[in-house]
Amino acid sequence: MGLTGFWKRRTAPAVTVRDALVDRIEQALRELGWLHGEVGEPAAVTSAFGGEEMPFEQWLTQVFLPRLHEAKRSGQWPPRSQVAVAAMRNLDGVPQTGTLLRLLAELDNDINAGTSR
C-alpha cells in the first residue's frame, strides 16, 4: 500500500452541513432543558408531530431527534421536511426558542432543496 492508500484509510468521513445541523439541534434542545442523557430509539406515534400523543417539545426529543440521528447514520433523509413550520406554530411565545427555530428552518431548507452539503 502506498502513501495515498494509507492516508485514505485514516481519513474520517466528511461531516456534511446537514450532519452538523443535527448536532446543533440536539445541543439547542439540551440548552432548553428538554433533553437529558442519551438520545434513544424513536417513540412510536400515530399522529402528525405526535400531536395526539404528546406535547410538541416531547415529540422533538423523543421522535424527531432520534429519527434525525437514524437519517444521519444511514444517509437516508426524507424527501421533504416542514418541521420548522410546525415548531413555529407550537412554540410561539415559548421563551429562548429562537435558536432552535432557526436551526429547524435551516434543516428544512437543506432537505427541501435536495442538497446535502
PDB file of N, CA and C in Angstrom:
ATOM      1  N   MET A   1       0.852  -1.169   0.000  1.00  0.00           N
ATOM      2  CA  MET A   1       0.000   0.000   0.000  1.00  0.00           C
ATOM      3  C   MET A   1       0.894   1.228   0.000  1.00  0.00           C
ATOM      4  N   GLY A   2       0.638   2.163  -0.920  1.00  0.00           N
ATOM      5  CA  GLY A   2       1.400   3.401  -0.986  1.00  0.00           C
ATOM      6  C   GLY A   2       0.893   4.407   0.028  1.00  0.00           C
ATOM      7  N   LEU A   3       1.525   5.554   0.062  1.00  0.00           N
ATOM      8  CA  LEU A   3       1.117   6.606   0.999  1.00  0.00           C
ATOM      9  C   LEU A   3      -0.305   7.083   0.739  1.00  0.00           C
ATOM     10  N   THR A   4      -0.713   7.122  -0.523  1.00  0.00           N
ATOM     11  CA  THR A   4      -2.068   7.571  -0.835  1.00  0.00           C
ATOM     12  C   THR A   4      -3.090   6.665  -0.167  1.00  0.00           C
ATOM     13  N   GLY A   5      -2.910   5.353  -0.267  1.00  0.00           N
ATOM     14  CA  GLY A   5      -3.815   4.403   0.373  1.00  0.00           C
ATOM     15  C   GLY A   5      -3.808   4.533   1.880  1.00  0.00           C
ATOM     16  N   PHE A   6      -2.636   4.781   2.451  1.00  0.00           N
ATOM     17  CA  PHE A   6      -2.517   4.957   3.898  1.00  0.00           C
ATOM     18  C   PHE A   6      -3.362   6.133   4.363  1.00  0.00           C
ATOM     19  N   TRP A   7      -3.230   7.284   3.688  1.00  0.00           N
ATOM     20  CA  TRP A   7      -3.964   8.478   4.116  1.00  0.00           C
ATOM     21  C   TRP A   7      -5.459   8.336   3.886  1.00  0.00           C
ATOM     22  N   LYS A   8      -5.854   7.678   2.826  1.00  0.00           N
ATOM     23  CA  LYS A   8      -7.290   7.491   2.563  1.00  0.00           C
ATOM     24  C   LYS A   8      -7.929   6.634   3.651  1.00  0.00           C
ATOM     25  N   ARG A   9      -7.230   5.612   4.120  1.00  0.00           N
ATOM     26  CA  ARG A   9      -7.773   4.745   5.172  1.00  0.00           C
ATOM     27  C   ARG A   9      -7.928   5.478   6.490  1.00  0.00           C
ATOM     28  N   ARG A  10      -7.068   6.437   6.763  1.00  0.00           N
ATOM     29  CA  ARG A  10      -7.042   7.113   8.057  1.00  0.00           C
ATOM     30  C   ARG A  10      -7.939   8.362   8.099  1.00  0.00           C
ATOM     31  N   THR A  11      -8.457   8.781   6.987  1.00  0.00           N
ATOM     32  CA  THR A  11      -9.250   9.997   6.943  1.00  0.00           C
ATOM     33  C   THR A  11     -10.675   9.711   7.394  1.00  0.00           C
ATOM     34  N   ALA A  12     -11.155  10.524   8.306  1.00  0.00           N
ATOM     35  CA  ALA A  12     -12.533  10.383   8.789  1.00  0.00           C
ATOM     36  C   ALA A  12     -13.499  10.842   7.703  1.00  0.00           C
ATOM     37  N   PRO A  13     -14.705  10.293   7.679  1.00  0.00           N
ATOM     38  CA  PRO A  13     -15.685  10.728   6.684  1.00  0.00           C
ATOM     39  C   PRO A  13     -16.004  12.208   6.871  1.00  0.00           C
ATOM     40  N   ALA A  14     -16.268  12.875   5.762  1.00  0.00           N
ATOM     41  CA  ALA A  14     -16.590  14.298   5.807  1.00  0.00           C
ATOM     42  C   ALA A  14     -17.922  14.507   6.520  1.00  0.00           C
ATOM     43  N   VAL A  15     -17.992  15.533   7.331  1.00  0.00           N
ATOM     44  CA  VAL A  15     -19.224  15.894   8.017  1.00  0.00           C
ATOM     45  C   VAL A  15     -19.956  16.894   7.131  1.00  0.00           C
ATOM     46  N   THR A  16     -21.196  16.572   6.789  1.00  0.00           N
ATOM     47  CA  THR A  16     -21.969  17.472   5.943  1.00  0.00           C
ATOM     48  C   THR A  16     -22.609  18.576   6.788  1.00  0.00           C
ATOM     49  N   VAL A  17     -23.085  19.593   6.113  1.00  0.00           N
ATOM     50  CA  VAL A  17     -23.803  20.677   6.789  1.00  0.00           C
ATOM     51  C   VAL A  17     -25.019  20.093   7.513  1.00  0.00           C
ATOM     52  N   ARG A  18     -25.683  19.152   6.858  1.00  0.00           N
ATOM     53  CA  ARG A  18     -26.872  18.539   7.458  1.00  0.00           C
ATOM     54  C   ARG A  18     -26.514  17.788   8.730  1.00  0.00           C
ATOM     55  N   ASP A  19     -25.419  17.026   8.698  1.00  0.00           N
ATOM     56  CA  ASP A  19     -24.974  16.310   9.897  1.00  0.00           C
ATOM     57  C   ASP A  19     -24.691  17.287  11.033  1.00  0.00           C
ATOM     58  N   ALA A  20     -24.030  18.392  10.703  1.00  0.00           N
ATOM     59  CA  ALA A  20     -23.712  19.402  11.713  1.00  0.00           C
ATOM     60  C   ALA A  20     -24.986  20.028  12.272  1.00  0.00           C
ATOM     61  N   LEU A  21     -25.998  20.212  11.430  1.00  0.00           N
ATOM     62  CA  LEU A  21     -27.267  20.762  11.902  1.00  0.00           C
ATOM     63  C   LEU A  21     -27.930  19.832  12.918  1.00  0.00           C
ATOM     64  N   VAL A  22     -27.849  18.537  12.686  1.00  0.00           N
ATOM     65  CA  VAL A  22     -28.412  17.570  13.640  1.00  0.00           C
ATOM     66  C   VAL A  22     -27.753  17.767  15.005  1.00  0.00           C
ATOM     67  N   ASP A  23     -26.438  17.881  15.009  1.00  0.00           N
ATOM     68  CA  ASP A  23     -25.716  18.072  16.272  1.00  0.00           C
ATOM     69  C   ASP A  23     -26.101  19.390  16.935  1.00  0.00           C
ATOM     70  N   ARG A  24     -26.267  20.432  16.130  1.00  0.00           N
ATOM     71  CA  ARG A  24     -26.636  21.745  16.690  1.00  0.00           C
ATOM     72  C   ARG A  24     -28.077  21.744  17.210  1.00  0.00           C
ATOM     73  N   ILE A  25     -28.971  21.031  16.533  1.00  0.00           N
ATOM     74  CA  ILE A  25     -30.356  20.918  17.011  1.00  0.00           C
ATOM     75  C   ILE A  25     -30.375  20.169  18.338  1.00  0.00           C
ATOM     76  N   GLU A  26     -29.610  19.098  18.434  1.00  0.00           N
ATOM     77  CA  GLU A  26     -29.530  18.363  19.704  1.00  0.00           C
ATOM     78  C   GLU A  26     -29.022  19.275  20.816  1.00  0.00           C
ATOM     79  N   GLN A  27     -27.997  20.054  20.531  1.00  0.00           N
ATOM     80  CA  GLN A  27     -27.445  20.959  21.539  1.00  0.00           C
ATOM     81  C   GLN A  27     -28.482  22.003  21.961  1.00  0.00           C
ATOM     82  N   ALA A  28     -29.232  22.534  21.003  1.00  0.00           N
ATOM     83  CA  ALA A  28     -30.267  23.525  21.326  1.00  0.00           C
ATOM     84  C   ALA A  28     -31.336  22.916  22.230  1.00  0.00           C
ATOM     85  N   LEU A  29     -31.730  21.673  21.962  1.00  0.00           N
ATOM     86  CA  LEU A  29     -32.716  21.003  22.809  1.00  0.00           C
ATOM     87  C   LEU A  29     -32.173  20.791  24.220  1.00  0.00           C
ATOM     88  N   ARG A  30     -30.892  20.481  24.327  1.00  0.00           N
ATOM     89  CA  ARG A  30     -30.263  20.321  25.648  1.00  0.00           C
ATOM     90  C   ARG A  30     -30.220  21.663  26.385  1.00  0.00           C
ATOM     91  N   GLU A  31     -29.862  22.721  25.666  1.00  0.00           N
ATOM     92  CA  GLU A  31     -29.779  24.041  26.299  1.00  0.00           C
ATOM     93  C   GLU A  31     -31.138  24.524  26.782  1.00  0.00           C
ATOM     94  N   LEU A  32     -32.206  24.118  26.105  1.00  0.00           N
ATOM     95  CA  LEU A  32     -33.557  24.466  26.552  1.00  0.00           C
ATOM     96  C   LEU A  32     -33.992  23.629  27.754  1.00  0.00           C
ATOM     97  N   GLY A  33     -33.230  22.582  28.074  1.00  0.00           N
ATOM     98  CA  GLY A  33     -33.581  21.704  29.183  1.00  0.00           C
ATOM     99  C   GLY A  33     -34.613  20.656  28.813  1.00  0.00           C
ATOM    100  N   TRP A  34     -34.835  20.454  27.512  1.00  0.00           N
ATOM    101  CA  TRP A  34     -35.832  19.495  27.053  1.00  0.00           C
ATOM    102  C   TRP A  34     -35.243  18.105  26.819  1.00  0.00           C
ATOM    103  N   LEU A  35     -33.915  18.007  26.776  1.00  0.00           N
ATOM    104  CA  LEU A  35     -33.258  16.735  26.501  1.00  0.00           C
ATOM    105  C   LEU A  35     -32.172  16.503  27.535  1.00  0.00           C
ATOM    106  N   HIS A  36     -32.222  15.324  28.139  1.00  0.00           N
ATOM    107  CA  HIS A  36     -31.230  14.926  29.141  1.00  0.00           C
ATOM    108  C   HIS A  36     -30.763  13.520  28.791  1.00  0.00           C
ATOM    109  N   GLY A  37     -29.503  13.247  28.989  1.00  0.00           N
ATOM    110  CA  GLY A  37     -28.989  11.898  28.740  1.00  0.00           C
ATOM    111  C   GLY A  37     -28.852  11.590  27.263  1.00  0.00           C
ATOM    112  N   GLU A  38     -28.805  10.290  26.984  1.00  0.00           N
ATOM    113  CA  GLU A  38     -28.610   9.806  25.625  1.00  0.00           C
ATOM    114  C   GLU A  38     -29.886   9.925  24.796  1.00  0.00           C
ATOM    115  N   VAL A  39     -29.712  10.055  23.491  1.00  0.00           N
ATOM    116  CA  VAL A  39     -30.845  10.036  22.570  1.00  0.00           C
ATOM    117  C   VAL A  39     -31.176   8.569  22.323  1.00  0.00           C
ATOM    118  N   GLY A  40     -32.402   8.188  22.611  1.00  0.00           N
ATOM    119  CA  GLY A  40     -32.806   6.794  22.470  1.00  0.00           C
ATOM    120  C   GLY A  40     -33.410   6.498  21.109  1.00  0.00           C
ATOM    121  N   GLU A  41     -34.106   5.382  21.049  1.00  0.00           N
ATOM    122  CA  GLU A  41     -34.838   4.996  19.841  1.00  0.00           C
ATOM    123  C   GLU A  41     -36.071   5.896  19.719  1.00  0.00           C
ATOM    124  N   PRO A  42     -36.540   6.125  18.487  1.00  0.00           N
ATOM    125  CA  PRO A  42     -37.732   6.973  18.323  1.00  0.00           C
ATOM    126  C   PRO A  42     -38.965   6.345  18.959  1.00  0.00           C
ATOM    127  N   ALA A  43     -39.724   7.163  19.661  1.00  0.00           N
ATOM    128  CA  ALA A  43     -41.006   6.711  20.211  1.00  0.00           C
ATOM    129  C   ALA A  43     -41.997   6.549  19.061  1.00  0.00           C
ATOM    130  N   ALA A  44     -42.932   5.640  19.216  1.00  0.00           N
ATOM    131  CA  ALA A  44     -43.955   5.419  18.193  1.00  0.00           C
ATOM    132  C   ALA A  44     -45.075   6.442  18.360  1.00  0.00           C
ATOM    133  N   VAL A  45     -45.460   7.047  17.267  1.00  0.00           N
ATOM    134  CA  VAL A  45     -46.582   7.990  17.264  1.00  0.00           C
ATOM    135  C   VAL A  45     -47.453   7.683  16.052  1.00  0.00           C
ATOM    136  N   THR A  46     -48.726   8.011  16.175  1.00  0.00           N
ATOM    137  CA  THR A  46     -49.649   7.761  15.066  1.00  0.00           C
ATOM    138  C   THR A  46     -50.212   9.041  14.472  1.00  0.00           C
ATOM    139  N   SER A  47     -49.956  10.176  15.110  1.00  0.00           N
ATOM    140  CA  SER A  47     -50.475  11.446  14.609  1.00  0.00           C
ATOM    141  C   SER A  47     -49.324  12.339  14.155  1.00  0.00           C
ATOM    142  N   ALA A  48     -49.660  13.285  13.304  1.00  0.00           N
ATOM    143  CA  ALA A  48     -48.653  14.218  12.807  1.00  0.00           C
ATOM    144  C   ALA A  48     -48.001  14.958  13.967  1.00  0.00           C
ATOM    145  N   PHE A  49     -46.691  14.935  13.997  1.00  0.00           N
ATOM    146  CA  PHE A  49     -45.903  15.603  15.030  1.00  0.00           C
ATOM    147  C   PHE A  49     -46.293  15.151  16.441  1.00  0.00           C
ATOM    148  N   GLY A  50     -46.871  13.970  16.552  1.00  0.00           N
ATOM    149  CA  GLY A  50     -47.234  13.410  17.853  1.00  0.00           C
ATOM    150  C   GLY A  50     -48.303  14.201  18.572  1.00  0.00           C
ATOM    151  N   GLY A  51     -49.029  15.029  17.843  1.00  0.00           N
ATOM    152  CA  GLY A  51     -49.990  15.957  18.445  1.00  0.00           C
ATOM    153  C   GLY A  51     -51.035  15.332  19.337  1.00  0.00           C
ATOM    154  N   GLU A  52     -51.418  14.097  19.052  1.00  0.00           N
ATOM    155  CA  GLU A  52     -52.430  13.436  19.872  1.00  0.00           C
ATOM    156  C   GLU A  52     -51.823  12.634  21.010  1.00  0.00           C
ATOM    157  N   GLU A  53     -50.510  12.388  20.954  1.00  0.00           N
ATOM    158  CA  GLU A  53     -49.878  11.545  21.968  1.00  0.00           C
ATOM    159  C   GLU A  53     -49.035  12.292  22.995  1.00  0.00           C
ATOM    160  N   MET A  54     -48.465  13.418  22.605  1.00  0.00           N
ATOM    161  CA  MET A  54     -47.508  14.081  23.494  1.00  0.00           C
ATOM    162  C   MET A  54     -47.355  15.551  23.127  1.00  0.00           C
ATOM    163  N   PRO A  55     -46.843  16.361  24.054  1.00  0.00           N
ATOM    164  CA  PRO A  55     -46.557  17.761  23.729  1.00  0.00           C
ATOM    165  C   PRO A  55     -45.487  17.836  22.633  1.00  0.00           C
ATOM    166  N   PHE A  56     -45.487  18.903  21.866  1.00  0.00           N
ATOM    167  CA  PHE A  56     -44.558  19.062  20.748  1.00  0.00           C
ATOM    168  C   PHE A  56     -43.103  18.986  21.197  1.00  0.00           C
ATOM    169  N   GLU A  57     -42.798  19.600  22.342  1.00  0.00           N
ATOM    170  CA  GLU A  57     -41.421  19.569  22.852  1.00  0.00           C
ATOM    171  C   GLU A  57     -40.957  18.135  23.084  1.00  0.00           C
ATOM    172  N   GLN A  58     -41.857  17.307  23.595  1.00  0.00           N
ATOM    173  CA  GLN A  58     -41.541  15.901  23.832  1.00  0.00           C
ATOM    174  C   GLN A  58     -41.360  15.178  22.492  1.00  0.00           C
ATOM    175  N   TRP A  59     -42.203  15.489  21.500  1.00  0.00           N
ATOM    176  CA  TRP A  59     -42.070  14.887  20.178  1.00  0.00           C
ATOM    177  C   TRP A  59     -40.705  15.210  19.574  1.00  0.00           C
ATOM    178  N   LEU A  60     -40.260  16.469  19.751  1.00  0.00           N
ATOM    179  CA  LEU A  60     -38.945  16.841  19.212  1.00  0.00           C
ATOM    180  C   LEU A  60     -37.830  15.971  19.782  1.00  0.00           C
ATOM    181  N   THR A  61     -37.893  15.703  21.079  1.00  0.00           N
ATOM    182  CA  THR A  61     -36.805  14.970  21.732  1.00  0.00           C
ATOM    183  C   THR A  61     -36.946  13.453  21.643  1.00  0.00           C
ATOM    184  N   GLN A  62     -38.188  12.953  21.596  1.00  0.00           N
ATOM    185  CA  GLN A  62     -38.388  11.509  21.648  1.00  0.00           C
ATOM    186  C   GLN A  62     -38.707  10.866  20.297  1.00  0.00           C
ATOM    187  N   VAL A  63     -39.047  11.683  19.316  1.00  0.00           N
ATOM    188  CA  VAL A  63     -39.361  11.143  17.992  1.00  0.00           C
ATOM    189  C   VAL A  63     -38.464  11.786  16.933  1.00  0.00           C
ATOM    190  N   PHE A  64     -38.523  13.084  16.828  1.00  0.00           N
ATOM    191  CA  PHE A  64     -37.815  13.788  15.760  1.00  0.00           C
ATOM    192  C   PHE A  64     -36.297  13.643  15.860  1.00  0.00           C
ATOM    193  N   LEU A  65     -35.725  13.950  17.007  1.00  0.00           N
ATOM    194  CA  LEU A  65     -34.266  13.874  17.145  1.00  0.00           C
ATOM    195  C   LEU A  65     -33.740  12.450  16.941  1.00  0.00           C
ATOM    196  N   PRO A  66     -34.354  11.424  17.533  1.00  0.00           N
ATOM    197  CA  PRO A  66     -33.876  10.070  17.237  1.00  0.00           C
ATOM    198  C   PRO A  66     -33.958   9.719  15.749  1.00  0.00           C
ATOM    199  N   ARG A  67     -35.005  10.194  15.075  1.00  0.00           N
ATOM    200  CA  ARG A  67     -35.112   9.934  13.632  1.00  0.00           C
ATOM    201  C   ARG A  67     -34.026  10.689  12.865  1.00  0.00           C
ATOM    202  N   LEU A  68     -33.697  11.889  13.315  1.00  0.00           N
ATOM    203  CA  LEU A  68     -32.592  12.625  12.686  1.00  0.00           C
ATOM    204  C   LEU A  68     -31.290  11.845  12.813  1.00  0.00           C
ATOM    205  N   HIS A  69     -31.048  11.290  13.986  1.00  0.00           N
ATOM    206  CA  HIS A  69     -29.825  10.511  14.190  1.00  0.00           C
ATOM    207  C   HIS A  69     -29.811   9.270  13.294  1.00  0.00           C
ATOM    208  N   GLU A  70     -30.963   8.628  13.134  1.00  0.00           N
ATOM    209  CA  GLU A  70     -31.043   7.480  12.226  1.00  0.00           C
ATOM    210  C   GLU A  70     -30.719   7.895  10.799  1.00  0.00           C
ATOM    211  N   ALA A  71     -31.270   9.020  10.351  1.00  0.00           N
ATOM    212  CA  ALA A  71     -31.012   9.511   8.999  1.00  0.00           C
ATOM    213  C   ALA A  71     -29.543   9.881   8.822  1.00  0.00           C
ATOM    214  N   LYS A  72     -28.975  10.478   9.844  1.00  0.00           N
ATOM    215  CA  LYS A  72     -27.556  10.846   9.793  1.00  0.00           C
ATOM    216  C   LYS A  72     -26.675   9.609   9.642  1.00  0.00           C
ATOM    217  N   ARG A  73     -26.984   8.557  10.397  1.00  0.00           N
ATOM    218  CA  ARG A  73     -26.204   7.314  10.318  1.00  0.00           C
ATOM    219  C   ARG A  73     -26.367   6.608   8.970  1.00  0.00           C
ATOM    220  N   SER A  74     -27.592   6.570   8.479  1.00  0.00           N
ATOM    221  CA  SER A  74     -27.878   5.806   7.262  1.00  0.00           C
ATOM    222  C   SER A  74     -27.705   6.607   5.979  1.00  0.00           C
ATOM    223  N   GLY A  75     -27.751   7.932   6.106  1.00  0.00           N
ATOM    224  CA  GLY A  75     -27.717   8.772   4.904  1.00  0.00           C
ATOM    225  C   GLY A  75     -29.045   8.814   4.179  1.00  0.00           C
ATOM    226  N   GLN A  76     -30.081   8.240   4.777  1.00  0.00           N
ATOM    227  CA  GLN A  76     -31.420   8.203   4.179  1.00  0.00           C
ATOM    228  C   GLN A  76     -32.277   9.296   4.806  1.00  0.00           C
ATOM    229  N   TRP A  77     -32.431  10.394   4.092  1.00  0.00           N
ATOM    230  CA  TRP A  77     -33.183  11.546   4.588  1.00  0.00           C
ATOM    231  C   TRP A  77     -34.550  11.589   3.916  1.00  0.00           C
ATOM    232  N   PRO A  78     -35.533  12.177   4.577  1.00  0.00           N
ATOM    233  CA  PRO A  78     -36.843  12.303   3.924  1.00  0.00           C
ATOM    234  C   PRO A  78     -36.728  13.255   2.724  1.00  0.00           C
ATOM    235  N   PRO A  79     -37.607  13.099   1.740  1.00  0.00           N
ATOM    236  CA  PRO A  79     -37.533  13.978   0.572  1.00  0.00           C
ATOM    237  C   PRO A  79     -37.979  15.410   0.874  1.00  0.00           C
ATOM    238  N   ARG A  80     -38.805  15.580   1.893  1.00  0.00           N
ATOM    239  CA  ARG A  80     -39.321  16.901   2.273  1.00  0.00           C
ATOM    240  C   ARG A  80     -39.373  17.001   3.795  1.00  0.00           C
ATOM    241  N   SER A  81     -39.319  18.239   4.288  1.00  0.00           N
ATOM    242  CA  SER A  81     -39.457  18.466   5.723  1.00  0.00           C
ATOM    243  C   SER A  81     -40.149  19.798   5.966  1.00  0.00           C
ATOM    244  N   GLN A  82     -41.070  19.795   6.924  1.00  0.00           N
ATOM    245  CA  GLN A  82     -41.763  21.022   7.322  1.00  0.00           C
ATOM    246  C   GLN A  82     -41.839  21.143   8.834  1.00  0.00           C
ATOM    247  N   VAL A  83     -40.834  20.619   9.498  1.00  0.00           N
ATOM    248  CA  VAL A  83     -40.839  20.660  10.961  1.00  0.00           C
ATOM    249  C   VAL A  83     -40.723  22.094  11.477  1.00  0.00           C
ATOM    250  N   ALA A  84     -40.052  22.970  10.756  1.00  0.00           N
ATOM    251  CA  ALA A  84     -39.905  24.354  11.229  1.00  0.00           C
ATOM    252  C   ALA A  84     -41.258  25.056  11.311  1.00  0.00           C
ATOM    253  N   VAL A  85     -42.134  24.811  10.345  1.00  0.00           N
ATOM    254  CA  VAL A  85     -43.470  25.421  10.364  1.00  0.00           C
ATOM    255  C   VAL A  85     -44.241  24.926  11.585  1.00  0.00           C
ATOM    256  N   ALA A  86     -44.194  23.615  11.820  1.00  0.00           N
ATOM    257  CA  ALA A  86     -44.869  23.054  12.999  1.00  0.00           C
ATOM    258  C   ALA A  86     -44.278  23.619  14.279  1.00  0.00           C
ATOM    259  N   ALA A  87     -42.955  23.769  14.307  1.00  0.00           N
ATOM    260  CA  ALA A  87     -42.294  24.299  15.503  1.00  0.00           C
ATOM    261  C   ALA A  87     -42.704  25.748  15.745  1.00  0.00           C
ATOM    262  N   MET A  88     -42.778  26.539  14.690  1.00  0.00           N
ATOM    263  CA  MET A  88     -43.177  27.940  14.862  1.00  0.00           C
ATOM    264  C   MET A  88     -44.592  28.032  15.418  1.00  0.00           C
ATOM    265  N   ARG A  89     -45.467  27.165  14.959  1.00  0.00           N
ATOM    266  CA  ARG A  89     -46.851  27.162  15.460  1.00  0.00           C
ATOM    267  C   ARG A  89     -46.922  26.694  16.912  1.00  0.00           C
ATOM    268  N   ASN A  90     -46.217  25.615  17.206  1.00  0.00           N
ATOM    269  CA  ASN A  90     -46.304  25.011  18.538  1.00  0.00           C
ATOM    270  C   ASN A  90     -45.480  25.718  19.597  1.00  0.00           C
ATOM    271  N   LEU A  91     -44.428  26.408  19.187  1.00  0.00           N
ATOM    272  CA  LEU A  91     -43.535  27.054  20.157  1.00  0.00           C
ATOM    273  C   LEU A  91     -43.683  28.569  20.184  1.00  0.00           C
ATOM    274  N   ASP A  92     -44.712  29.075  19.520  1.00  0.00           N
ATOM    275  CA  ASP A  92     -44.947  30.519  19.511  1.00  0.00           C
ATOM    276  C   ASP A  92     -45.092  31.024  20.939  1.00  0.00           C
ATOM    277  N   GLY A  93     -44.274  31.978  21.307  1.00  0.00           N
ATOM    278  CA  GLY A  93     -44.321  32.561  22.640  1.00  0.00           C
ATOM    279  C   GLY A  93     -43.504  31.827  23.686  1.00  0.00           C
ATOM    280  N   VAL A  94     -42.912  30.681  23.325  1.00  0.00           N
ATOM    281  CA  VAL A  94     -42.071  29.958  24.280  1.00  0.00           C
ATOM    282  C   VAL A  94     -40.709  30.634  24.318  1.00  0.00           C
ATOM    283  N   PRO A  95     -40.279  31.096  25.490  1.00  0.00           N
ATOM    284  CA  PRO A  95     -39.009  31.826  25.579  1.00  0.00           C
ATOM    285  C   PRO A  95     -37.805  30.979  25.167  1.00  0.00           C
ATOM    286  N   GLN A  96     -36.813  31.651  24.638  1.00  0.00           N
ATOM    287  CA  GLN A  96     -35.497  31.073  24.339  1.00  0.00           C
ATOM    288  C   GLN A  96     -35.491  30.038  23.220  1.00  0.00           C
ATOM    289  N   THR A  97     -36.509  30.011  22.364  1.00  0.00           N
ATOM    290  CA  THR A  97     -36.556  29.001  21.308  1.00  0.00           C
ATOM    291  C   THR A  97     -36.067  29.517  19.954  1.00  0.00           C
ATOM    292  N   GLY A  98     -35.622  30.749  19.882  1.00  0.00           N
ATOM    293  CA  GLY A  98     -35.198  31.344  18.611  1.00  0.00           C
ATOM    294  C   GLY A  98     -34.111  30.552  17.897  1.00  0.00           C
ATOM    295  N   THR A  99     -33.102  30.121  18.636  1.00  0.00           N
ATOM    296  CA  THR A  99     -32.010  29.360  18.021  1.00  0.00           C
ATOM    297  C   THR A  99     -32.526  28.041  17.466  1.00  0.00           C
ATOM    298  N   LEU A 100     -33.334  27.339  18.231  1.00  0.00           N
ATOM    299  CA  LEU A 100     -33.892  26.065  17.773  1.00  0.00           C
ATOM    300  C   LEU A 100     -34.727  26.274  16.510  1.00  0.00           C
ATOM    301  N   LEU A 101     -35.583  27.292  16.507  1.00  0.00           N
ATOM    302  CA  LEU A 101     -36.430  27.560  15.340  1.00  0.00           C
ATOM    303  C   LEU A 101     -35.583  27.855  14.107  1.00  0.00           C
ATOM    304  N   ARG A 102     -34.515  28.608  14.269  1.00  0.00           N
ATOM    305  CA  ARG A 102     -33.630  28.935  13.146  1.00  0.00           C
ATOM    306  C   ARG A 102     -32.958  27.676  12.614  1.00  0.00           C
ATOM    307  N   LEU A 103     -32.496  26.817  13.506  1.00  0.00           N
ATOM    308  CA  LEU A 103     -31.832  25.577  13.084  1.00  0.00           C
ATOM    309  C   LEU A 103     -32.803  24.638  12.369  1.00  0.00           C
ATOM    310  N   LEU A 104     -34.022  24.538  12.861  1.00  0.00           N
ATOM    311  CA  LEU A 104     -35.020  23.696  12.206  1.00  0.00           C
ATOM    312  C   LEU A 104     -35.344  24.230  10.813  1.00  0.00           C
ATOM    313  N   ALA A 105     -35.405  25.552  10.678  1.00  0.00           N
ATOM    314  CA  ALA A 105     -35.646  26.155   9.357  1.00  0.00           C
ATOM    315  C   ALA A 105     -34.477  25.869   8.412  1.00  0.00           C
ATOM    316  N   GLU A 106     -33.252  25.938   8.917  1.00  0.00           N
ATOM    317  CA  GLU A 106     -32.087  25.615   8.097  1.00  0.00           C
ATOM    318  C   GLU A 106     -32.137  24.168   7.626  1.00  0.00           C
ATOM    319  N   LEU A 107     -32.512  23.262   8.531  1.00  0.00           N
ATOM    320  CA  LEU A 107     -32.603  21.850   8.171  1.00  0.00           C
ATOM    321  C   LEU A 107     -33.682  21.643   7.104  1.00  0.00           C
ATOM    322  N   ASP A 108     -34.855  22.233   7.308  1.00  0.00           N
ATOM    323  CA  ASP A 108     -35.921  22.132   6.315  1.00  0.00           C
ATOM    324  C   ASP A 108     -35.440  22.630   4.953  1.00  0.00           C
ATOM    325  N   ASN A 109     -34.793  23.787   4.943  1.00  0.00           N
ATOM    326  CA  ASN A 109     -34.319  24.354   3.679  1.00  0.00           C
ATOM    327  C   ASN A 109     -33.345  23.419   2.990  1.00  0.00           C
ATOM    328  N   ASP A 110     -32.431  22.836   3.750  1.00  0.00           N
ATOM    329  CA  ASP A 110     -31.431  21.935   3.184  1.00  0.00           C
ATOM    330  C   ASP A 110     -32.103  20.680   2.611  1.00  0.00           C
ATOM    331  N   ILE A 111     -33.010  20.087   3.365  1.00  0.00           N
ATOM    332  CA  ILE A 111     -33.698  18.884   2.900  1.00  0.00           C
ATOM    333  C   ILE A 111     -34.564  19.199   1.683  1.00  0.00           C
ATOM    334  N   ASN A 112     -35.333  20.285   1.752  1.00  0.00           N
ATOM    335  CA  ASN A 112     -36.256  20.624   0.667  1.00  0.00           C
ATOM    336  C   ASN A 112     -35.534  21.054  -0.597  1.00  0.00           C
ATOM    337  N   ALA A 113     -34.309  21.540  -0.471  1.00  0.00           N
ATOM    338  CA  ALA A 113     -33.509  21.903  -1.645  1.00  0.00           C
ATOM    339  C   ALA A 113     -32.897  20.661  -2.292  1.00  0.00           C
ATOM    340  N   GLY A 114     -32.956  19.532  -1.566  1.00  0.00           N
ATOM    341  CA  GLY A 114     -32.421  18.290  -2.105  1.00  0.00           C
ATOM    342  C   GLY A 114     -30.900  18.231  -2.088  1.00  0.00           C
ATOM    343  N   THR A 115     -30.292  19.019  -1.220  1.00  0.00           N
ATOM    344  CA  THR A 115     -28.832  19.014  -1.127  1.00  0.00           C
ATOM    345  C   THR A 115     -28.412  18.410   0.187  1.00  0.00           C
ATOM    346  N   SER A 116     -27.201  17.977   0.226  1.00  0.00           N
ATOM    347  CA  SER A 116     -26.602  17.524   1.471  1.00  0.00           C
ATOM    348  C   SER A 116     -25.169  18.011   1.460  1.00  0.00           C
ATOM    349  N   ARG A 117     -25.045  19.287   1.737  1.00  0.00           N
ATOM    350  CA  ARG A 117     -23.739  19.950   1.650  1.00  0.00           C
ATOM    351  C   ARG A 117     -22.829  19.498   2.752  1.00  0.00           C
TER     352      ARG A 117
END
